[in-house]
Amino acid sequence: MSEKKSNAVNETLRLPLADQCDRDLAAQLAEEGKATLVMLDLDNFMQVNTRFGHAEGDRVLIETGEYLRSALPEGAALYRYGGDQFAILFGSAYEKEDVFLQMERIRAGYECPLPEGGRQRLSAGIAAAPEDGELPGDLVRKADAAMVRAKLTGYNRVCLAREEKMVVKTAHYPQDMLH
């Protein structure tokens, strides 16, 4: 997505876009060698535009962006990556497990109503450097692939790039939260 692209969603949210995310990720990796990237996408969003129109789709995107901005902890940066996709870059102070639990909290608290009475849902994928890759492109691809896996395994989920590497340090989370 180009920084020059203008639309109601971008003008309202005023979030940095994909190319800024890529630059920030590269800078963080160069300076600290550690970063955690989340790629987040709205589930079945095309149906919102098709069934309810683009104005409703814009409302959902704006409400989502505002919710994400308000729900993120200090040290996390939100970007509009393109279409219905957002990216979140967590600073090096956050471990992958912390990010996973933050994203589960955000996913579970997301309440964006749709006109027919349903709710919009979201899916997210997480990749962390250095364990999932050391180059910005590797992290973007792996976080995106984890997000796609979240959708393919039932939507409304958060998945890690390499799930087998995460050991949850607490038993306070039900098994269905840890997918």
Foldseek 3Di string as FASTA:
>chain_A
DDPPDDDPLCVLLVAAEQVVVQVVVQVLCVVPVKKKKKKKFWPPLVVLCVVPNVVSSSVLLNVLSVLVVVLDDPQKGWHHYDDRMIMIMHHRVDDPLNVLVSVLVSQVPDADAGPVGDGIGMFMEMEMPPVQHSHSVSRVVLRVVQRVVCVVVPGSAYGYSDLVPDDDPDPPDDPVNSD
